[in-house]
N, C-alpha and C. Protein backbone atom coordinates (compact mmCIF):
# COMPACT_ATOMS: atom_id res chain seq x y z
N UNK A 1 47.68 -14.24 28.28
CA UNK A 1 46.05 -14.56 28.99
C UNK A 1 45.39 -14.47 27.66
N UNK A 2 44.66 -15.83 27.37
CA UNK A 2 43.93 -15.95 26.33
C UNK A 2 42.17 -15.84 26.55
N UNK A 3 41.92 -14.66 25.94
CA UNK A 3 40.41 -13.99 26.35
C UNK A 3 38.99 -15.38 25.57
N UNK A 4 38.65 -15.87 26.37
CA UNK A 4 37.84 -16.97 25.84
C UNK A 4 36.37 -15.99 24.81
N UNK A 5 36.48 -16.42 23.73
CA UNK A 5 35.36 -15.75 22.54
C UNK A 5 34.06 -15.98 22.81
N UNK A 6 33.91 -16.49 23.70
CA UNK A 6 32.16 -17.07 23.87
C UNK A 6 31.73 -16.56 25.29
N UNK A 7 31.98 -15.71 25.62
CA UNK A 7 31.47 -14.67 26.52
C UNK A 7 30.50 -14.36 26.98
N UNK A 8 29.59 -13.98 27.61
CA UNK A 8 28.56 -13.85 27.58
C UNK A 8 28.37 -12.34 27.53
N UNK A 9 27.84 -11.68 26.57
CA UNK A 9 27.86 -9.87 26.68
C UNK A 9 27.50 -9.60 27.94
N UNK A 10 26.34 -9.93 29.11
CA UNK A 10 26.61 -9.42 30.20
C UNK A 10 27.52 -9.85 31.11
N UNK A 11 28.51 -10.91 31.11
CA UNK A 11 29.83 -10.69 31.62
C UNK A 11 30.62 -9.71 30.93
N UNK A 12 31.38 -9.66 29.53
CA UNK A 12 31.87 -8.82 29.07
C UNK A 12 31.38 -7.22 29.22
N UNK A 13 30.28 -6.96 29.32
CA UNK A 13 30.06 -5.53 30.13
C UNK A 13 30.67 -5.17 31.57
N UNK A 14 30.38 -6.09 32.30
CA UNK A 14 31.03 -6.24 33.93
C UNK A 14 32.25 -6.28 33.69
N UNK A 15 32.81 -7.02 32.88
CA UNK A 15 34.70 -6.97 32.78
C UNK A 15 35.06 -5.61 32.62
N UNK A 16 34.06 -4.77 31.46
CA UNK A 16 34.58 -3.42 30.65
C UNK A 16 34.31 -2.30 31.84
N UNK A 17 33.50 -2.56 32.53
CA UNK A 17 32.95 -1.55 34.17
C UNK A 17 34.33 -1.79 35.00
N UNK A 18 34.86 -2.74 35.31
CA UNK A 18 35.89 -3.48 36.27
C UNK A 18 36.94 -2.78 35.80
N UNK A 19 37.11 -2.93 34.40
CA UNK A 19 38.38 -2.45 34.12
C UNK A 19 38.76 -0.82 34.03
N UNK A 20 40.18 -0.68 34.52
CA UNK A 20 40.38 1.12 34.53
C UNK A 20 40.13 1.90 33.22
N UNK A 21 39.88 2.96 33.42
CA UNK A 21 39.91 3.80 32.21
C UNK A 21 41.23 4.00 31.78
N UNK A 22 41.71 3.89 30.25
CA UNK A 22 43.15 3.90 29.90
C UNK A 22 42.56 5.58 29.56
N UNK A 23 44.15 6.05 29.61
CA UNK A 23 44.43 7.68 28.78
C UNK A 23 44.02 8.34 29.46
N UNK A 24 43.99 8.64 31.00
CA UNK A 24 43.77 9.64 31.71
C UNK A 24 45.04 9.94 32.26
N UNK A 25 45.68 11.33 32.81
CA UNK A 25 45.40 12.06 31.59
C UNK A 25 46.72 12.48 30.52
N UNK A 26 47.27 11.67 30.45
CA UNK A 26 48.42 11.59 29.36
C UNK A 26 47.98 11.81 28.11
N UNK A 27 48.53 12.08 27.20
CA UNK A 27 48.19 11.87 25.59
C UNK A 27 49.06 11.16 24.72
N UNK A 28 48.70 10.76 23.33
CA UNK A 28 49.38 10.26 22.40
C UNK A 28 48.70 10.23 21.19
N UNK A 29 49.63 9.65 20.25
CA UNK A 29 49.05 9.55 18.76
C UNK A 29 49.47 8.01 18.50
N UNK A 30 48.23 7.48 17.35
CA UNK A 30 48.47 6.37 16.88
C UNK A 30 48.93 6.65 15.46
N UNK A 31 49.78 5.89 14.57
CA UNK A 31 50.47 5.95 13.30
C UNK A 31 50.18 4.69 12.95
N UNK A 32 48.77 4.00 13.25
CA UNK A 32 48.59 2.76 12.25
C UNK A 32 47.85 3.21 11.15
N UNK A 33 48.19 2.39 10.10
CA UNK A 33 47.03 2.83 9.00
C UNK A 33 45.65 2.68 9.04
N UNK A 34 45.04 3.59 8.43
CA UNK A 34 43.37 3.89 8.71
C UNK A 34 42.64 2.86 7.71
N UNK A 35 41.52 2.31 8.34
CA UNK A 35 40.77 1.31 7.76
C UNK A 35 40.15 1.63 6.50
N UNK A 36 40.00 3.17 6.49
CA UNK A 36 39.40 3.63 5.26
C UNK A 36 39.80 4.17 4.44
N UNK A 37 41.72 3.63 4.15
CA UNK A 37 42.25 3.60 3.34
C UNK A 37 43.30 5.03 3.15
N UNK A 38 43.20 5.79 3.89
CA UNK A 38 43.46 7.30 4.40
C UNK A 38 45.11 7.04 4.81
N UNK A 39 45.76 7.72 4.71
CA UNK A 39 47.60 7.48 4.90
C UNK A 39 47.42 8.12 6.36
N UNK A 40 48.14 7.40 7.00
CA UNK A 40 48.78 7.16 8.91
C UNK A 40 49.29 8.96 8.82
N UNK A 41 48.99 9.52 10.05
CA UNK A 41 49.66 10.88 9.98
C UNK A 41 51.29 10.35 10.48
N UNK A 42 51.84 11.36 9.45
CA UNK A 42 53.55 11.33 9.46
C UNK A 42 54.39 11.37 10.57
N UNK A 43 55.32 10.96 10.68
CA UNK A 43 56.29 11.12 12.14
C UNK A 43 56.19 12.66 12.08
N UNK A 44 56.42 12.92 13.17
CA UNK A 44 56.97 14.10 13.63
C UNK A 44 58.16 14.54 14.20
N UNK A 45 58.47 15.83 14.15
CA UNK A 45 59.94 15.94 14.34
C UNK A 45 60.00 16.23 15.99
N UNK A 46 59.31 15.68 16.73
CA UNK A 46 59.42 16.21 17.79
C UNK A 46 59.69 14.48 18.70
N UNK A 47 59.72 13.79 17.70
CA UNK A 47 60.08 11.96 18.55
C UNK A 47 61.85 12.29 18.97
N UNK A 48 61.91 11.72 20.10
CA UNK A 48 62.79 11.90 20.90
C UNK A 48 63.33 13.57 21.97
N UNK A 49 62.33 14.45 21.67
CA UNK A 49 62.58 15.28 22.24
C UNK A 49 61.41 15.15 23.71
N UNK A 50 60.82 14.35 23.43
CA UNK A 50 59.50 14.68 24.37
C UNK A 50 58.94 12.94 24.64
N UNK A 51 58.23 12.79 25.60
CA UNK A 51 57.55 11.36 25.92
C UNK A 51 56.28 11.55 25.34
N UNK A 52 55.80 10.71 24.73
CA UNK A 52 54.33 10.51 24.41
C UNK A 52 53.40 10.71 25.46
N UNK A 53 52.41 11.20 25.13
CA UNK A 53 51.90 10.97 26.38
C UNK A 53 51.17 10.07 27.31
N UNK A 54 50.71 9.00 26.38
CA UNK A 54 50.72 7.33 26.74
C UNK A 54 51.50 6.85 27.35
N UNK A 55 52.85 7.35 27.50
CA UNK A 55 53.86 6.74 28.33
C UNK A 55 53.59 6.04 29.53
N UNK A 56 52.62 6.84 30.49
CA UNK A 56 52.80 6.21 31.95
C UNK A 56 52.00 5.53 31.67
N UNK A 57 51.10 5.21 30.94
CA UNK A 57 50.09 4.21 30.53
C UNK A 57 49.98 3.02 29.61
N UNK A 58 51.70 3.05 29.10
CA UNK A 58 52.37 2.14 27.89
C UNK A 58 51.77 0.72 28.47
N UNK A 59 52.05 0.58 29.56
CA UNK A 59 51.87 -0.83 30.15
C UNK A 59 50.14 -1.58 29.82
N UNK A 60 49.64 -0.63 30.38
CA UNK A 60 47.93 -0.70 30.38
C UNK A 60 47.87 -0.97 28.82
N UNK A 61 48.22 -0.08 28.22
CA UNK A 61 47.73 -0.54 26.45
C UNK A 61 47.83 -1.38 25.75
N UNK A 62 49.12 -1.69 26.47
CA UNK A 62 49.88 -2.71 25.89
C UNK A 62 48.81 -4.25 26.03
N UNK A 63 49.13 -4.15 27.49
CA UNK A 63 48.02 -5.55 28.10
C UNK A 63 46.60 -5.18 27.45
N UNK A 64 45.63 -4.26 27.42
CA UNK A 64 44.21 -3.97 26.86
C UNK A 64 44.42 -4.63 25.26
N UNK A 65 45.22 -4.06 24.24
CA UNK A 65 45.50 -4.83 23.13
C UNK A 65 45.84 -6.38 22.95
N UNK A 66 46.83 -6.72 24.21
CA UNK A 66 46.62 -8.09 23.91
C UNK A 66 45.30 -9.16 24.29
N UNK A 67 44.67 -8.51 25.15
CA UNK A 67 43.06 -9.01 25.31
C UNK A 67 42.84 -8.54 24.10
N UNK A 68 42.32 -8.00 23.56
CA UNK A 68 41.78 -7.61 22.26
C UNK A 68 42.03 -8.74 21.04
N UNK A 69 43.22 -8.50 21.11
CA UNK A 69 44.07 -9.77 20.02
C UNK A 69 43.28 -10.60 20.39
N UNK A 70 43.24 -11.20 21.97
CA UNK A 70 42.70 -12.95 22.15
C UNK A 70 41.32 -13.01 21.67
N UNK A 71 40.52 -11.83 21.79
CA UNK A 71 39.02 -11.80 21.54
C UNK A 71 38.99 -12.03 19.75
N UNK A 72 40.30 -11.27 19.07
CA UNK A 72 40.11 -11.48 17.71
C UNK A 72 40.52 -12.95 17.33
N UNK A 73 41.20 -13.45 17.89
CA UNK A 73 42.01 -14.83 17.56
C UNK A 73 40.58 -15.86 18.18
N UNK A 74 39.79 -15.54 19.12
CA UNK A 74 38.52 -16.48 19.30
C UNK A 74 37.46 -15.91 18.35
N UNK A 75 37.18 -15.12 17.62
CA UNK A 75 36.34 -15.19 16.55
C UNK A 75 36.98 -15.52 15.57
N UNK A 76 38.50 -15.75 15.09
CA UNK A 76 38.42 -16.36 14.00
C UNK A 76 38.43 -18.05 14.46
N UNK A 77 38.54 -18.39 15.54
CA UNK A 77 37.89 -19.94 16.36
C UNK A 77 36.47 -20.25 15.95
N UNK A 78 35.74 -19.25 16.34
CA UNK A 78 34.54 -19.13 16.47
C UNK A 78 33.54 -19.33 14.62
N UNK A 79 34.43 -18.69 13.99
CA UNK A 79 34.02 -19.10 12.33
C UNK A 79 34.75 -20.04 11.92
N UNK A 80 35.73 -20.73 12.10
CA UNK A 80 36.24 -21.51 11.91
C UNK A 80 35.53 -22.94 12.61
N UNK A 81 34.95 -22.57 13.18
CA UNK A 81 33.67 -23.93 14.10
C UNK A 81 32.55 -23.61 13.93
N UNK A 82 32.42 -22.93 12.86
CA UNK A 82 30.59 -22.84 13.04
C UNK A 82 30.01 -22.28 13.48
N UNK A 83 30.15 -21.45 14.42
CA UNK A 83 29.33 -21.06 15.41
C UNK A 83 28.56 -20.00 14.95
N UNK A 84 27.05 -20.41 15.56
CA UNK A 84 25.77 -19.08 15.42
C UNK A 84 26.41 -17.77 15.09
N UNK A 85 25.67 -17.25 13.77
CA UNK A 85 26.25 -15.84 13.61
C UNK A 85 25.83 -14.80 14.56
N UNK A 86 24.99 -14.65 15.26
CA UNK A 86 24.53 -13.83 16.65
C UNK A 86 25.62 -13.66 17.25
N UNK A 87 26.33 -15.02 17.83
CA UNK A 87 26.91 -14.95 18.83
C UNK A 87 28.16 -14.54 18.23
N UNK A 88 28.71 -14.60 16.92
CA UNK A 88 30.11 -13.85 16.13
C UNK A 88 30.09 -12.58 16.35
N UNK A 89 28.40 -12.11 15.69
CA UNK A 89 28.77 -10.69 15.97
C UNK A 89 28.65 -10.02 17.05
N UNK A 90 28.16 -10.65 17.97
CA UNK A 90 28.51 -10.14 19.79
C UNK A 90 29.76 -9.92 20.11
N UNK A 91 30.52 -11.09 19.83
CA UNK A 91 32.15 -11.09 19.82
C UNK A 91 32.58 -9.59 19.08
N UNK A 92 32.29 -9.96 17.66
CA UNK A 92 32.90 -8.44 17.37
C UNK A 92 32.48 -7.59 17.43
N UNK A 93 31.20 -6.75 18.40
CA UNK A 93 30.91 -5.80 18.87
C UNK A 93 31.70 -5.79 19.89
N UNK A 94 31.91 -6.63 20.88
CA UNK A 94 32.63 -6.21 21.95
C UNK A 94 33.93 -5.76 21.63
N UNK A 95 34.92 -6.77 20.91
CA UNK A 95 36.26 -6.26 20.40
C UNK A 95 36.08 -5.09 19.88
N UNK A 96 35.08 -4.69 18.94
CA UNK A 96 35.08 -3.28 18.36
C UNK A 96 35.03 -2.21 19.52
N UNK A 97 34.25 -2.75 20.40
CA UNK A 97 34.08 -1.40 21.55
C UNK A 97 35.71 -1.50 22.65
N UNK A 98 36.07 -2.50 23.00
CA UNK A 98 37.07 -2.20 23.45
C UNK A 98 38.58 -1.63 22.89
N UNK A 99 38.38 -1.81 21.22
CA UNK A 99 39.07 -0.72 20.34
C UNK A 99 39.10 0.68 20.48
N UNK A 100 37.63 0.82 20.49
CA UNK A 100 37.21 2.38 20.68
C UNK A 100 37.24 3.22 21.90
N UNK A 101 37.59 1.93 22.85
CA UNK A 101 37.87 2.40 24.38
C UNK A 101 39.39 2.84 24.48
N UNK A 102 40.15 2.31 23.67
CA UNK A 102 42.01 2.47 23.52
C UNK A 102 42.14 3.59 23.13
N UNK A 103 41.24 3.79 21.86
CA UNK A 103 41.47 5.03 20.97
C UNK A 103 40.87 6.01 21.62
N UNK A 104 40.05 6.27 22.27
CA UNK A 104 39.44 7.08 23.18
C UNK A 104 40.47 7.66 23.76
N UNK A 105 41.28 6.44 25.18
CA UNK A 105 42.18 6.85 25.71
C UNK A 105 43.21 7.58 25.03
N UNK A 106 43.63 7.02 23.98
CA UNK A 106 44.66 7.51 23.53
C UNK A 106 44.52 8.98 23.09
N UNK A 107 43.51 9.32 22.40
CA UNK A 107 42.83 10.50 21.91
C UNK A 107 42.87 11.44 23.29
N UNK A 108 42.58 11.32 24.65
CA UNK A 108 42.28 12.11 25.54
C UNK A 108 44.13 12.47 26.16
N UNK A 109 44.76 11.17 25.96
CA UNK A 109 46.27 11.29 26.23
C UNK A 109 46.51 12.22 25.19
N UNK A 110 46.41 12.25 23.86
CA UNK A 110 46.90 13.28 22.98
C UNK A 110 46.66 14.68 23.31
N UNK A 111 45.35 14.83 23.76
CA UNK A 111 44.83 16.21 23.74
C UNK A 111 45.21 16.57 25.14
N UNK A 112 45.34 16.06 26.32
CA UNK A 112 45.93 16.77 27.59
C UNK A 112 47.62 16.85 27.73
N UNK A 113 48.30 15.93 26.86
CA UNK A 113 49.63 16.27 26.79
C UNK A 113 50.13 16.79 25.16
N UNK A 114 50.02 16.28 24.17
CA UNK A 114 50.84 16.86 23.00
C UNK A 114 49.91 18.17 22.87
N UNK A 115 48.81 18.10 22.90
CA UNK A 115 48.23 18.89 22.28
C UNK A 115 48.23 20.24 23.61
N UNK A 116 47.92 20.25 24.45
CA UNK A 116 48.24 20.77 25.76
C UNK A 116 49.50 21.87 25.63
N UNK A 117 50.41 20.99 25.59
CA UNK A 117 51.58 21.44 25.67
C UNK A 117 51.98 22.28 24.52
N UNK A 118 51.76 22.24 23.07
CA UNK A 118 52.18 22.64 21.70
C UNK A 118 50.98 24.13 21.83
N UNK A 119 50.19 24.15 22.60
CA UNK A 119 48.91 25.20 22.64
C UNK A 119 50.03 26.11 23.60
N UNK A 120 50.56 25.40 24.35
CA UNK A 120 51.03 26.41 25.76
C UNK A 120 52.52 27.25 25.14
N UNK A 121 53.02 26.66 23.82
CA UNK A 121 53.98 27.12 23.43
C UNK A 121 53.65 27.92 22.34
N UNK A 122 52.65 27.47 21.94
CA UNK A 122 52.18 28.64 20.79
C UNK A 122 52.86 28.65 19.41
N UNK A 123 52.32 28.90 18.61
CA UNK A 123 52.95 29.16 17.05
C UNK A 123 52.41 28.26 16.15
N UNK A 124 52.82 27.84 15.23
CA UNK A 124 52.40 26.53 14.11
C UNK A 124 52.58 25.39 14.36
N UNK A 125 53.49 25.16 15.24
CA UNK A 125 53.19 23.88 15.53
C UNK A 125 52.17 23.45 16.80
N UNK A 126 51.15 24.69 17.15
CA UNK A 126 50.13 24.52 18.12
C UNK A 126 49.17 24.19 17.10
N UNK A 127 49.28 25.14 15.75
CA UNK A 127 47.68 24.77 15.01
C UNK A 127 48.07 23.35 14.66
N UNK A 128 49.63 22.73 14.11
CA UNK A 128 49.32 21.71 13.71
C UNK A 128 48.76 20.50 14.56
N UNK A 129 48.99 20.75 15.87
CA UNK A 129 48.54 19.57 16.87
C UNK A 129 47.29 19.42 16.67
N UNK A 130 46.72 20.95 16.83
CA UNK A 130 44.95 20.78 16.67
C UNK A 130 44.53 20.32 15.49
N UNK A 131 45.15 20.68 13.99
CA UNK A 131 44.83 20.02 12.97
C UNK A 131 44.35 18.42 13.22
N UNK A 132 45.72 17.77 13.72
CA UNK A 132 46.05 16.81 14.12
C UNK A 132 44.80 15.90 14.81
N UNK A 133 44.87 16.62 15.87
CA UNK A 133 43.46 16.34 16.90
C UNK A 133 42.29 16.04 15.80
N UNK A 134 42.15 17.03 15.40
CA UNK A 134 40.76 17.16 14.64
C UNK A 134 40.71 16.01 13.50
N UNK A 135 41.65 15.87 13.18
CA UNK A 135 41.56 14.82 11.80
C UNK A 135 41.18 13.38 12.43
N UNK A 136 41.91 13.32 13.33
CA UNK A 136 41.67 11.89 14.12
C UNK A 136 40.45 11.70 14.61
N UNK A 137 39.62 12.49 15.53
CA UNK A 137 38.44 12.69 15.63
C UNK A 137 37.65 12.43 14.74
N UNK A 138 38.01 12.86 13.54
CA UNK A 138 37.18 12.59 12.34
C UNK A 138 37.03 11.17 12.04
N UNK A 139 38.28 11.33 11.99
CA UNK A 139 38.62 9.34 11.96
C UNK A 139 37.50 8.59 12.75
N UNK A 140 38.10 8.46 13.98
CA UNK A 140 37.13 8.01 14.93
C UNK A 140 35.70 7.76 14.54
N UNK A 141 34.74 9.22 14.43
CA UNK A 141 33.80 9.42 14.36
C UNK A 141 33.33 8.84 13.05
N UNK A 142 34.09 8.53 12.01
CA UNK A 142 33.77 7.82 10.62
C UNK A 142 33.74 6.47 10.98
N UNK A 143 34.35 5.84 12.18
CA UNK A 143 34.73 4.50 12.24
C UNK A 143 33.29 3.83 12.88
């Protein structure tokens, strides 16, 4: 489904409110490279041993990211068609908020599943998971 890029801000706000919140209560983490140039979190040895926290919401996350991809394509089209600057900025803001929503859902999933499980097991793995989560939160706050 292609998202129309020139949807009014009010329509987008209503659509965002009607969409289910992602990321409750499972956990996950993103291994994407960071826009600030920092290195992605290295893979962990727990791959294959356990599910990522976002596993139960994977289809929802994928659908949401596809809608965001459509928004970004719409932005490209708006620039190519010389649309009004403020209209483009409005759509950039909407796409940014949508990505932030996905990030917060993944963070929530990660805290509720991966970090909680590591803390319950204790030891150095728990400390590492808390450090990872703290670093992820710091990246989100900077963005």
